[in-house]
C-alpha cells in the first residue's frame, strides 16, 4: 500500500473514494512531532517560517494558474 505522501503527490487521494480524509492530517502531525523532537527551538521557528512561506507561495502559484486558464 502506498504511503499517504505518495498518494498525495501522485494525486491518488483526489481520485480514490476510499482515501481516509484524516490520514493526511495525521501524517502531517506525526511529521511535525518528529521534526520538533530533533531540532532546537530556534531551528523549529525557522523551519515553521520557511514551510509557511512555501505554503503561501504554492497557494499564490495555484491561484495564478487558475486565473490563467
N, C-alpha and C. Protein backbone atom coordinates (compact mmCIF):
# COMPACT_ATOMS: atom_id res chain seq x y z
N UNK A 1 0.85 -1.19 0.00
CA UNK A 1 0.00 0.00 0.00
C UNK A 1 0.88 1.24 0.00
N UNK A 2 0.62 2.21 -0.87
CA UNK A 2 1.44 3.41 -0.93
C UNK A 2 1.23 4.29 0.30
N UNK A 3 2.26 5.05 0.64
CA UNK A 3 2.15 5.96 1.78
C UNK A 3 1.21 7.10 1.45
N UNK A 4 0.75 7.80 2.48
CA UNK A 4 -0.13 8.94 2.28
C UNK A 4 0.57 10.03 1.49
N UNK A 5 1.90 10.18 1.70
CA UNK A 5 2.64 11.20 0.97
C UNK A 5 2.71 10.86 -0.52
N UNK A 6 2.91 9.57 -0.84
CA UNK A 6 2.92 9.15 -2.24
C UNK A 6 1.54 9.38 -2.86
N UNK A 7 0.50 9.04 -2.14
CA UNK A 7 -0.85 9.23 -2.65
C UNK A 7 -1.15 10.71 -2.87
N UNK A 8 -0.68 11.56 -1.95
CA UNK A 8 -0.92 13.00 -2.08
C UNK A 8 -0.18 13.55 -3.29
N UNK A 9 1.08 13.20 -3.43
CA UNK A 9 1.89 13.74 -4.51
C UNK A 9 1.48 13.20 -5.87
N UNK A 10 0.99 11.99 -5.91
CA UNK A 10 0.58 11.42 -7.19
C UNK A 10 -0.87 11.78 -7.54
N UNK A 11 -1.58 12.39 -6.62
CA UNK A 11 -2.95 12.79 -6.86
C UNK A 11 -3.97 11.70 -6.57
N UNK A 12 -3.53 10.54 -6.08
CA UNK A 12 -4.45 9.44 -5.83
C UNK A 12 -5.50 9.76 -4.77
N UNK A 13 -5.20 10.63 -3.83
CA UNK A 13 -6.17 10.96 -2.77
C UNK A 13 -7.39 11.65 -3.37
N UNK A 14 -7.19 12.41 -4.41
CA UNK A 14 -8.30 13.11 -5.03
C UNK A 14 -9.16 12.16 -5.85
N UNK A 15 -8.58 11.08 -6.33
CA UNK A 15 -9.29 10.15 -7.21
C UNK A 15 -9.82 8.93 -6.47
N UNK A 16 -9.28 8.62 -5.31
CA UNK A 16 -9.59 7.40 -4.58
C UNK A 16 -10.72 7.64 -3.59
N UNK A 17 -11.90 7.09 -3.82
CA UNK A 17 -13.01 7.31 -2.88
C UNK A 17 -12.79 6.62 -1.53
N UNK A 18 -11.84 5.71 -1.44
CA UNK A 18 -11.56 5.02 -0.18
C UNK A 18 -10.49 5.72 0.64
N UNK A 19 -10.00 6.84 0.17
CA UNK A 19 -8.94 7.58 0.87
C UNK A 19 -9.49 8.14 2.18
N UNK A 20 -8.79 7.88 3.26
CA UNK A 20 -9.18 8.37 4.58
C UNK A 20 -8.88 9.87 4.67
N UNK A 21 -9.89 10.72 4.83
CA UNK A 21 -9.63 12.16 4.85
C UNK A 21 -8.82 12.61 6.06
N UNK A 22 -8.74 11.79 7.09
CA UNK A 22 -7.96 12.17 8.27
C UNK A 22 -6.52 11.69 8.20
N UNK A 23 -6.22 10.82 7.25
CA UNK A 23 -4.87 10.25 7.17
C UNK A 23 -3.82 11.31 6.90
N UNK A 24 -4.11 12.26 6.03
CA UNK A 24 -3.13 13.30 5.71
C UNK A 24 -2.83 14.15 6.94
N UNK A 25 -3.86 14.59 7.66
CA UNK A 25 -3.61 15.42 8.84
C UNK A 25 -2.87 14.64 9.92
N UNK A 26 -3.14 13.36 10.04
CA UNK A 26 -2.43 12.52 10.99
C UNK A 26 -0.96 12.40 10.61
N UNK A 27 -0.70 12.18 9.33
CA UNK A 27 0.68 12.06 8.86
C UNK A 27 1.44 13.36 9.04
N UNK A 28 0.81 14.49 8.73
CA UNK A 28 1.47 15.79 8.88
C UNK A 28 1.75 16.07 10.36
N UNK A 29 0.81 15.75 11.23
CA UNK A 29 1.03 15.95 12.66
C UNK A 29 2.18 15.09 13.18
N UNK A 30 2.22 13.85 12.73
CA UNK A 30 3.32 12.96 13.14
C UNK A 30 4.65 13.48 12.64
N UNK A 31 4.69 13.99 11.42
CA UNK A 31 5.92 14.56 10.89
C UNK A 31 6.35 15.78 11.69
N UNK A 32 5.41 16.63 12.06
CA UNK A 32 5.72 17.82 12.86
C UNK A 32 6.32 17.44 14.21
N UNK A 33 5.76 16.44 14.85
CA UNK A 33 6.27 15.98 16.14
C UNK A 33 7.67 15.41 15.97
N UNK A 34 7.88 14.62 14.93
CA UNK A 34 9.20 14.02 14.69
C UNK A 34 10.25 15.09 14.43
N UNK A 35 9.90 16.12 13.66
CA UNK A 35 10.84 17.21 13.40
C UNK A 35 11.13 17.98 14.68
N UNK A 36 10.08 18.32 15.43
CA UNK A 36 10.25 19.11 16.65
C UNK A 36 11.13 18.42 17.68
N UNK A 37 11.11 17.09 17.71
CA UNK A 37 11.93 16.35 18.67
C UNK A 37 13.42 16.38 18.31
N UNK A 38 13.74 16.73 17.05
CA UNK A 38 15.11 16.64 16.57
C UNK A 38 15.84 17.97 16.47
N UNK A 39 15.14 19.09 16.65
CA UNK A 39 15.77 20.40 16.42
C UNK A 39 15.59 21.31 17.63
N UNK A 40 16.39 22.36 17.66
CA UNK A 40 16.29 23.35 18.74
C UNK A 40 15.07 24.24 18.50
N UNK A 41 14.72 25.03 19.52
CA UNK A 41 13.59 25.95 19.39
C UNK A 41 13.81 26.95 18.26
N UNK A 42 15.04 27.46 18.15
CA UNK A 42 15.37 28.42 17.11
C UNK A 42 15.24 27.79 15.72
N UNK A 43 15.75 26.57 15.58
CA UNK A 43 15.64 25.87 14.30
C UNK A 43 14.18 25.59 13.96
N UNK A 44 13.41 25.23 14.97
CA UNK A 44 11.99 24.94 14.76
C UNK A 44 11.25 26.19 14.27
N UNK A 45 11.57 27.34 14.84
CA UNK A 45 10.95 28.58 14.39
C UNK A 45 11.27 28.86 12.93
N UNK A 46 12.52 28.64 12.54
CA UNK A 46 12.92 28.88 11.16
C UNK A 46 12.24 27.89 10.21
N UNK A 47 12.20 26.62 10.58
CA UNK A 47 11.53 25.61 9.76
C UNK A 47 10.06 25.98 9.58
N UNK A 48 9.40 26.38 10.66
CA UNK A 48 7.99 26.77 10.58
C UNK A 48 7.80 27.96 9.64
N UNK A 49 8.67 28.95 9.74
CA UNK A 49 8.56 30.13 8.88
C UNK A 49 8.77 29.77 7.41
N UNK A 50 9.76 28.91 7.15
CA UNK A 50 10.04 28.51 5.77
C UNK A 50 8.86 27.72 5.19
N UNK A 51 8.31 26.79 5.98
CA UNK A 51 7.20 25.99 5.49
C UNK A 51 5.93 26.83 5.30
N UNK A 52 5.73 27.83 6.15
CA UNK A 52 4.62 28.75 5.97
C UNK A 52 4.77 29.53 4.67
N UNK A 53 5.99 30.02 4.43
CA UNK A 53 6.25 30.75 3.18
C UNK A 53 6.05 29.83 1.98
N UNK A 54 6.51 28.59 2.08
CA UNK A 54 6.33 27.63 1.00
C UNK A 54 4.84 27.43 0.70
N UNK A 55 4.04 27.22 1.74
CA UNK A 55 2.61 27.03 1.56
C UNK A 55 1.95 28.25 0.94
N UNK A 56 2.32 29.43 1.41
CA UNK A 56 1.74 30.66 0.85
C UNK A 56 2.13 30.84 -0.61
N UNK A 57 3.38 30.54 -0.95
CA UNK A 57 3.84 30.67 -2.33
C UNK A 57 3.13 29.66 -3.24
N UNK A 58 2.98 28.43 -2.76
CA UNK A 58 2.26 27.43 -3.56
C UNK A 58 0.81 27.85 -3.78
N UNK A 59 0.18 28.42 -2.77
CA UNK A 59 -1.20 28.89 -2.90
C UNK A 59 -1.28 30.03 -3.91
N UNK A 60 -0.30 30.92 -3.90
CA UNK A 60 -0.27 32.03 -4.87
C UNK A 60 -0.10 31.50 -6.29
N UNK A 61 0.79 30.54 -6.47
CA UNK A 61 1.00 29.94 -7.79
C UNK A 61 -0.27 29.26 -8.27
N UNK A 62 -0.91 28.50 -7.40
CA UNK A 62 -2.14 27.80 -7.77
C UNK A 62 -3.24 28.79 -8.16
N UNK A 63 -3.37 29.88 -7.41
CA UNK A 63 -4.39 30.89 -7.72
C UNK A 63 -4.10 31.54 -9.06
N UNK A 64 -2.83 31.85 -9.31
CA UNK A 64 -2.48 32.46 -10.59
C UNK A 64 -2.72 31.50 -11.75
N UNK A 65 -2.41 30.23 -11.56
CA UNK A 65 -2.65 29.24 -12.61
C UNK A 65 -4.14 29.14 -12.93
N UNK A 66 -4.99 29.21 -11.90
CA UNK A 66 -6.43 29.18 -12.14
C UNK A 66 -6.88 30.39 -12.95
N UNK A 67 -6.31 31.55 -12.67
CA UNK A 67 -6.68 32.76 -13.41
C UNK A 67 -6.20 32.71 -14.85
N UNK A 68 -5.10 32.03 -15.10
CA UNK A 68 -4.51 31.97 -16.44
C UNK A 68 -5.18 30.93 -17.33
N UNK A 69 -6.03 30.10 -16.79
CA UNK A 69 -6.71 29.06 -17.59
C UNK A 69 -7.89 29.59 -18.31
